[in-house]
Amino acid sequence: MAGAVRLMRALDRELFARPPQVVAPELIGRLLVVGDGPERVAVRLTEVEAYSDEDPASHTYRGRTPRNEVMFGEPGHLYVYFSYGMHHCANVVSHLEGRSGGVLLRAGNVVDGVALARSRRGRPSSDHLLARGPGCLTQALGLSLVDGGSDLCKPSARIRLYDDGYRFEVSSGPRVGVRLAADTPWRYWAAGERSVSAYKRSPRALLSEG
């Protein structure tokens, strides 16, 4: 990220205090930075998905639980969950006052700390695979359940989101692998980027929605 560091601006809470489907496309091209010094890894986001409380595919659709509590709280925090007993997924809490929701961080390009990301990921064949998919992204960044609830807008935070002025052309379409509201076009990605995961419609959605 040589040269870009001088231009980086931390994203503030006001950006996240809006509907998740509005926030989501604005996160494409932003930098998610975790750690400092030799433990620092930065990913430029290339793919995200939005989930609101009116969305049957959202973890908050059926109300508040101990698991999803953070998604009802202050925008700009991190919601992390363990998916299918296999990997962690990270979401940025985004919603209007009195609502709930978030943006799932699906993929990105590792632009700093590549060697550390490779070691965490088992050295995949190509660097564009390091953070391709939500589980790979959290693994490359070293994120887990212990990071749930982290305030991304706190100046001293270990995990932060930045804007360094970099922009992609943004495309949108159906979300990946969800059973309910499978055709809601709240998946956003950087057009033409190899780190973007392949679209896969859930077989359960095919059966349930015909």
C-alpha atoms as a PDB file:
ATOM      1  CA  MET A   1       0.000   0.000   0.000  1.00  0.00           C
ATOM      2  CA  ALA A   2       2.944   2.298  -0.585  1.00  0.00           C
ATOM      3  CA  GLY A   3       1.755   5.851  -1.158  1.00  0.00           C
ATOM      4  CA  ALA A   4      -1.859   5.042  -0.266  1.00  0.00           C
ATOM      5  CA  VAL A   5      -1.356   5.131   3.508  1.00  0.00           C
ATOM      6  CA  ARG A   6      -0.981   8.934   3.505  1.00  0.00           C
ATOM      7  CA  LEU A   7      -4.427   9.266   1.928  1.00  0.00           C
ATOM      8  CA  MET A   8      -6.350   6.840   4.124  1.00  0.00           C
ATOM      9  CA  ARG A   9      -9.411   8.163   5.940  1.00  0.00           C
ATOM     10  CA  ALA A  10     -11.108   6.057   8.607  1.00  0.00           C
ATOM     11  CA  LEU A  11     -14.807   5.472   7.955  1.00  0.00           C
ATOM     12  CA  ASP A  12     -17.011   7.064  10.602  1.00  0.00           C
ATOM     13  CA  ARG A  13     -20.148   5.784  12.276  1.00  0.00           C
ATOM     14  CA  GLU A  14     -22.489   7.973  10.249  1.00  0.00           C
ATOM     15  CA  LEU A  15     -21.703   5.963   7.132  1.00  0.00           C
ATOM     16  CA  PHE A  16     -23.002   2.780   8.806  1.00  0.00           C
ATOM     17  CA  ALA A  17     -26.105   4.391  10.344  1.00  0.00           C
ATOM     18  CA  ARG A  18     -28.080   3.773   7.152  1.00  0.00           C
ATOM     19  CA  PRO A  19     -29.894   0.793   5.602  1.00  0.00           C
ATOM     20  CA  PRO A  20     -27.437  -2.064   4.906  1.00  0.00           C
ATOM     21  CA  GLN A  21     -28.364  -2.230   1.230  1.00  0.00           C
ATOM     22  CA  VAL A  22     -27.290   1.419   0.927  1.00  0.00           C
ATOM     23  CA  VAL A  23     -24.063   0.949   2.856  1.00  0.00           C
ATOM     24  CA  ALA A  24     -23.013  -2.269   1.091  1.00  0.00           C
ATOM     25  CA  PRO A  25     -22.014  -0.950  -2.357  1.00  0.00           C
ATOM     26  CA  GLU A  26     -20.084   1.878  -0.735  1.00  0.00           C
ATOM     27  CA  LEU A  27     -17.811  -0.645   0.997  1.00  0.00           C
ATOM     28  CA  ILE A  28     -16.518  -1.997  -2.312  1.00  0.00           C
ATOM     29  CA  GLY A  29     -12.933  -0.773  -2.717  1.00  0.00           C
ATOM     30  CA  ARG A  30     -12.545   0.155   0.949  1.00  0.00           C
ATOM     31  CA  LEU A  31      -9.677  -1.211   3.027  1.00  0.00           C
ATOM     32  CA  LEU A  32     -10.310  -3.520   5.980  1.00  0.00           C
ATOM     33  CA  VAL A  33      -7.200  -3.418   8.161  1.00  0.00           C
ATOM     34  CA  VAL A  34      -6.534  -5.756  11.089  1.00  0.00           C
ATOM     35  CA  GLY A  35      -3.569  -5.474  13.450  1.00  0.00           C
ATOM     36  CA  ASP A  36      -0.361  -3.450  13.485  1.00  0.00           C
ATOM     37  CA  GLY A  37       3.264  -3.913  12.508  1.00  0.00           C
ATOM     38  CA  PRO A  38       4.207  -7.455  11.511  1.00  0.00           C
ATOM     39  CA  GLU A  39       0.709  -8.658  12.494  1.00  0.00           C
ATOM     40  CA  ARG A  40      -1.013  -6.242  10.114  1.00  0.00           C
ATOM     41  CA  VAL A  41      -3.089  -7.522   7.195  1.00  0.00           C
ATOM     42  CA  ALA A  42      -5.134  -5.266   4.915  1.00  0.00           C
ATOM     43  CA  VAL A  43      -7.773  -6.386   2.432  1.00  0.00           C
ATOM     44  CA  ARG A  44      -9.367  -4.237  -0.255  1.00  0.00           C
ATOM     45  CA  LEU A  45     -13.001  -5.339  -0.291  1.00  0.00           C
ATOM     46  CA  THR A  46     -14.323  -6.615  -3.623  1.00  0.00           C
ATOM     47  CA  GLU A  47     -17.549  -8.385  -2.621  1.00  0.00           C
ATOM     48  CA  VAL A  48     -20.210  -7.863   0.062  1.00  0.00           C
ATOM     49  CA  GLU A  49     -23.859  -8.740   0.760  1.00  0.00           C
ATOM     50  CA  ALA A  50     -26.530  -6.758   2.614  1.00  0.00           C
ATOM     51  CA  TYR A  51     -29.027  -8.211   5.121  1.00  0.00           C
ATOM     52  CA  SER A  52     -31.803  -6.173   6.790  1.00  0.00           C
ATOM     53  CA  ASP A  53     -34.316  -6.988   9.519  1.00  0.00           C
ATOM     54  CA  GLU A  54     -37.118  -7.143   6.919  1.00  0.00           C
ATOM     55  CA  ASP A  55     -35.161  -9.763   5.004  1.00  0.00           C
ATOM     56  CA  PRO A  56     -36.038 -13.432   5.743  1.00  0.00           C
ATOM     57  CA  ALA A  57     -32.433 -14.417   4.962  1.00  0.00           C
ATOM     58  CA  SER A  58     -31.096 -12.184   7.742  1.00  0.00           C
ATOM     59  CA  HIS A  59     -30.030 -13.446  11.161  1.00  0.00           C
ATOM     60  CA  THR A  60     -32.171 -10.703  12.717  1.00  0.00           C
ATOM     61  CA  TYR A  61     -35.403 -11.452  10.842  1.00  0.00           C
ATOM     62  CA  ARG A  62     -36.942 -13.474  13.694  1.00  0.00           C
ATOM     63  CA  GLY A  63     -35.848 -11.084  16.409  1.00  0.00           C
ATOM     64  CA  ARG A  64     -33.108 -10.592  18.954  1.00  0.00           C
ATOM     65  CA  THR A  65     -31.118 -13.528  20.348  1.00  0.00           C
ATOM     66  CA  PRO A  66     -27.862 -13.811  22.294  1.00  0.00           C
ATOM     67  CA  ARG A  67     -26.162 -14.773  19.026  1.00  0.00           C
ATOM     68  CA  ASN A  68     -27.290 -11.777  16.958  1.00  0.00           C
ATOM     69  CA  GLU A  69     -27.447  -9.170  19.743  1.00  0.00           C
ATOM     70  CA  VAL A  70     -24.679  -7.026  18.244  1.00  0.00           C
ATOM     71  CA  MET A  71     -26.664  -6.551  15.003  1.00  0.00           C
ATOM     72  CA  PHE A  72     -29.316  -4.659  16.982  1.00  0.00           C
ATOM     73  CA  GLY A  73     -26.712  -2.422  18.572  1.00  0.00           C
ATOM     74  CA  GLU A  74     -24.687   0.573  17.506  1.00  0.00           C
ATOM     75  CA  PRO A  75     -23.763   0.689  13.805  1.00  0.00           C
ATOM     76  CA  GLY A  76     -20.103   0.303  12.933  1.00  0.00           C
ATOM     77  CA  HIS A  77     -19.456  -2.767  15.078  1.00  0.00           C
ATOM     78  CA  LEU A  78     -18.371  -6.198  13.868  1.00  0.00           C
ATOM     79  CA  TYR A  79     -20.741  -9.173  13.940  1.00  0.00           C
ATOM     80  CA  VAL A  80     -18.935 -12.518  13.620  1.00  0.00           C
ATOM     81  CA  TYR A  81     -20.572 -15.938  13.477  1.00  0.00           C
ATOM     82  CA  PHE A  82     -19.410 -19.507  12.882  1.00  0.00           C
ATOM     83  CA  SER A  83     -20.951 -20.949   9.723  1.00  0.00           C
ATOM     84  CA  TYR A  84     -21.774 -24.633   9.183  1.00  0.00           C
ATOM     85  CA  GLY A  85     -19.192 -25.611  11.800  1.00  0.00           C
ATOM     86  CA  MET A  86     -16.470 -24.780   9.288  1.00  0.00           C
ATOM     87  CA  HIS A  87     -15.517 -21.099   9.107  1.00  0.00           C
ATOM     88  CA  HIS A  88     -16.149 -17.624  10.489  1.00  0.00           C
ATOM     89  CA  CYS A  89     -18.073 -14.892   8.693  1.00  0.00           C
ATOM     90  CA  ALA A  90     -17.685 -11.181   9.459  1.00  0.00           C
ATOM     91  CA  ASN A  91     -20.353  -8.514   9.048  1.00  0.00           C
ATOM     92  CA  VAL A  92     -20.358  -4.771   9.624  1.00  0.00           C
ATOM     93  CA  VAL A  93     -23.443  -3.725  11.611  1.00  0.00           C
ATOM     94  CA  SER A  94     -25.383  -1.232   9.475  1.00  0.00           C
ATOM     95  CA  HIS A  95     -28.927   0.023  10.077  1.00  0.00           C
ATOM     96  CA  LEU A  96     -31.135   2.981  10.862  1.00  0.00           C
ATOM     97  CA  GLU A  97     -31.966   3.840  14.473  1.00  0.00           C
ATOM     98  CA  GLY A  98     -34.307   1.299  16.021  1.00  0.00           C
ATOM     99  CA  ARG A  99     -33.614  -1.285  13.317  1.00  0.00           C
ATOM    100  CA  SER A 100     -31.052  -4.070  12.793  1.00  0.00           C
ATOM    101  CA  GLY A 101     -28.943  -5.404   9.963  1.00  0.00           C
ATOM    102  CA  GLY A 102     -25.489  -5.708   8.549  1.00  0.00           C
ATOM    103  CA  VAL A 103     -23.201  -6.174   5.578  1.00  0.00           C
ATOM    104  CA  LEU A 104     -21.466  -9.523   5.106  1.00  0.00           C
ATOM    105  CA  LEU A 105     -17.859  -9.113   3.972  1.00  0.00           C
ATOM    106  CA  ARG A 106     -17.498 -11.768   1.277  1.00  0.00           C
ATOM    107  CA  ALA A 107     -14.174 -11.222  -0.491  1.00  0.00           C
ATOM    108  CA  GLY A 108     -11.231  -8.948  -1.182  1.00  0.00           C
ATOM    109  CA  ASN A 109      -7.672  -8.560  -2.369  1.00  0.00           C
ATOM    110  CA  VAL A 110      -4.910  -8.760   0.251  1.00  0.00           C
ATOM    111  CA  VAL A 111      -2.829  -5.617  -0.277  1.00  0.00           C
ATOM    112  CA  ASP A 112      -0.701  -5.625   2.880  1.00  0.00           C
ATOM    113  CA  GLY A 113       0.586  -8.477   5.036  1.00  0.00           C
ATOM    114  CA  VAL A 114       0.459 -10.956   2.159  1.00  0.00           C
ATOM    115  CA  ALA A 115       3.006 -13.331   3.719  1.00  0.00           C
ATOM    116  CA  LEU A 116       1.031 -13.536   6.974  1.00  0.00           C
ATOM    117  CA  ALA A 117      -2.233 -14.056   5.079  1.00  0.00           C
ATOM    118  CA  ARG A 118      -0.602 -16.855   3.071  1.00  0.00           C
ATOM    119  CA  SER A 119       0.580 -18.600   6.222  1.00  0.00           C
ATOM    120  CA  ARG A 120      -2.908 -18.434   7.743  1.00  0.00           C
ATOM    121  CA  ARG A 121      -4.526 -19.729   4.581  1.00  0.00           C
ATOM    122  CA  GLY A 122      -2.148 -22.638   3.955  1.00  0.00           C
ATOM    123  CA  ARG A 123      -0.524 -20.925   0.973  1.00  0.00           C
ATOM    124  CA  PRO A 124      -3.179 -21.208  -1.779  1.00  0.00           C
ATOM    125  CA  SER A 125      -1.997 -21.481  -5.371  1.00  0.00           C
ATOM    126  CA  SER A 126      -2.750 -17.834  -6.252  1.00  0.00           C
ATOM    127  CA  ASP A 127      -2.875 -14.672  -4.153  1.00  0.00           C
ATOM    128  CA  HIS A 128      -6.311 -13.715  -5.520  1.00  0.00           C
ATOM    129  CA  LEU A 129      -7.637 -16.758  -3.604  1.00  0.00           C
ATOM    130  CA  LEU A 130      -6.330 -15.577  -0.229  1.00  0.00           C
ATOM    131  CA  ALA A 131      -9.547 -13.735   0.719  1.00  0.00           C
ATOM    132  CA  ARG A 132     -11.964 -15.123  -1.879  1.00  0.00           C
ATOM    133  CA  GLY A 133     -15.121 -16.052   0.016  1.00  0.00           C
ATOM    134  CA  PRO A 134     -16.226 -15.006   3.518  1.00  0.00           C
ATOM    135  CA  GLY A 135     -14.449 -17.849   5.338  1.00  0.00           C
ATOM    136  CA  CYS A 136     -11.195 -17.279   3.470  1.00  0.00           C
ATOM    137  CA  LEU A 137     -11.385 -13.535   4.153  1.00  0.00           C
ATOM    138  CA  THR A 138     -11.704 -13.954   7.921  1.00  0.00           C
ATOM    139  CA  GLN A 139      -8.978 -16.600   7.946  1.00  0.00           C
ATOM    140  CA  ALA A 140      -6.573 -14.358   6.015  1.00  0.00           C
ATOM    141  CA  LEU A 141      -7.281 -11.503   8.438  1.00  0.00           C
ATOM    142  CA  GLY A 142      -7.122 -13.703  11.532  1.00  0.00           C
ATOM    143  CA  LEU A 143     -10.696 -12.867  12.605  1.00  0.00           C
ATOM    144  CA  SER A 144     -12.760 -15.167  14.833  1.00  0.00           C
ATOM    145  CA  LEU A 145     -15.629 -15.117  17.321  1.00  0.00           C
ATOM    146  CA  VAL A 146     -13.488 -13.247  19.857  1.00  0.00           C
ATOM    147  CA  ASP A 147     -13.576 -10.246  17.504  1.00  0.00           C
ATOM    148  CA  GLY A 148     -17.377 -10.109  17.555  1.00  0.00           C
ATOM    149  CA  GLY A 149     -18.621  -6.778  18.878  1.00  0.00           C
ATOM    150  CA  SER A 150     -15.430  -4.896  17.994  1.00  0.00           C
ATOM    151  CA  ASP A 151     -16.039  -1.193  17.393  1.00  0.00           C
ATOM    152  CA  LEU A 152     -14.608  -0.435  13.940  1.00  0.00           C
ATOM    153  CA  CYS A 153     -15.072   3.310  14.447  1.00  0.00           C
ATOM    154  CA  LYS A 154     -12.990   3.614  17.613  1.00  0.00           C
ATOM    155  CA  PRO A 155      -9.729   5.468  16.835  1.00  0.00           C
ATOM    156  CA  SER A 156      -7.613   2.957  18.763  1.00  0.00           C
ATOM    157  CA  ALA A 157      -9.393  -0.114  17.335  1.00  0.00           C
ATOM    158  CA  ARG A 158      -7.342  -3.083  16.092  1.00  0.00           C
ATOM    159  CA  ILE A 159      -9.848  -3.565  13.242  1.00  0.00           C
ATOM    160  CA  ARG A 160     -10.741  -0.566  11.094  1.00  0.00           C
ATOM    161  CA  LEU A 161     -12.191   0.340   7.702  1.00  0.00           C
ATOM    162  CA  TYR A 162     -10.576   3.020   5.565  1.00  0.00           C
ATOM    163  CA  ASP A 163     -11.181   4.918   2.344  1.00  0.00           C
ATOM    164  CA  ASP A 164      -8.036   5.674   0.349  1.00  0.00           C
ATOM    165  CA  GLY A 165      -9.858   6.945  -2.714  1.00  0.00           C
ATOM    166  CA  TYR A 166      -9.629   3.687  -4.690  1.00  0.00           C
ATOM    167  CA  ARG A 167     -12.754   2.875  -6.691  1.00  0.00           C
ATOM    168  CA  PHE A 168     -14.120  -0.079  -8.664  1.00  0.00           C
ATOM    169  CA  GLU A 169     -17.014  -0.377 -11.047  1.00  0.00           C
ATOM    170  CA  VAL A 170     -19.684  -2.014  -8.866  1.00  0.00           C
ATOM    171  CA  SER A 171     -22.087  -4.711 -10.065  1.00  0.00           C
ATOM    172  CA  SER A 172     -25.032  -6.189  -8.168  1.00  0.00           C
ATOM    173  CA  GLY A 173     -27.122  -9.341  -8.231  1.00  0.00           C
ATOM    174  CA  PRO A 174     -28.611 -12.186  -6.142  1.00  0.00           C
ATOM    175  CA  ARG A 175     -26.869 -13.277  -2.967  1.00  0.00           C
ATOM    176  CA  VAL A 176     -24.874 -16.505  -2.741  1.00  0.00           C
ATOM    177  CA  GLY A 177     -26.239 -19.703  -1.217  1.00  0.00           C
ATOM    178  CA  VAL A 178     -29.226 -18.327   0.714  1.00  0.00           C
ATOM    179  CA  ARG A 179     -32.425 -20.355   0.939  1.00  0.00           C
ATOM    180  CA  LEU A 180     -34.866 -17.492   1.534  1.00  0.00           C
ATOM    181  CA  ALA A 181     -35.136 -14.307  -0.563  1.00  0.00           C
ATOM    182  CA  ALA A 182     -32.610 -15.908  -2.902  1.00  0.00           C
ATOM    183  CA  ASP A 183     -33.225 -13.431  -5.719  1.00  0.00           C
ATOM    184  CA  THR A 184     -32.885 -10.250  -3.673  1.00  0.00           C
ATOM    185  CA  PRO A 185     -30.117  -8.353  -5.552  1.00  0.00           C
ATOM    186  CA  TRP A 186     -28.179  -7.244  -2.481  1.00  0.00           C
ATOM    187  CA  ARG A 187     -24.848  -8.794  -3.406  1.00  0.00           C
ATOM    188  CA  TYR A 188     -22.369  -6.198  -4.644  1.00  0.00           C
ATOM    189  CA  TRP A 189     -18.979  -6.822  -6.210  1.00  0.00           C
ATOM    190  CA  ALA A 190     -16.105  -5.210  -8.070  1.00  0.00           C
ATOM    191  CA  ALA A 191     -16.652  -5.974 -11.739  1.00  0.00           C
ATOM    192  CA  GLY A 192     -13.903  -8.065 -13.303  1.00  0.00           C
ATOM    193  CA  GLU A 193     -11.999  -8.787 -10.074  1.00  0.00           C
ATOM    194  CA  ARG A 194     -10.691 -12.363  -9.749  1.00  0.00           C
ATOM    195  CA  SER A 195     -11.055 -12.328  -5.957  1.00  0.00           C
ATOM    196  CA  VAL A 196     -14.859 -12.182  -6.268  1.00  0.00           C
ATOM    197  CA  SER A 197     -16.399 -15.562  -5.440  1.00  0.00           C
ATOM    198  CA  ALA A 198     -18.432 -17.532  -7.971  1.00  0.00           C
ATOM    199  CA  TYR A 199     -22.199 -17.119  -7.783  1.00  0.00           C
ATOM    200  CA  LYS A 200     -23.930 -20.254  -6.488  1.00  0.00           C
ATOM    201  CA  ARG A 201     -27.679 -20.387  -5.974  1.00  0.00           C
ATOM    202  CA  SER A 202     -28.680 -22.608  -3.068  1.00  0.00           C
ATOM    203  CA  PRO A 203     -30.200 -25.955  -4.183  1.00  0.00           C
ATOM    204  CA  ARG A 204     -32.687 -25.492  -1.336  1.00  0.00           C
ATOM    205  CA  ALA A 205     -33.765 -22.188  -2.884  1.00  0.00           C
ATOM    206  CA  LEU A 206     -34.388 -23.917  -6.194  1.00  0.00           C
ATOM    207  CA  LEU A 207     -36.636 -26.429  -4.475  1.00  0.00           C
ATOM    208  CA  SER A 208     -38.496 -23.983  -2.289  1.00  0.00           C
ATOM    209  CA  GLU A 209     -38.958 -21.176  -4.801  1.00  0.00           C
ATOM    210  CA  GLY A 210     -39.318 -23.195  -7.963  1.00  0.00           C
END
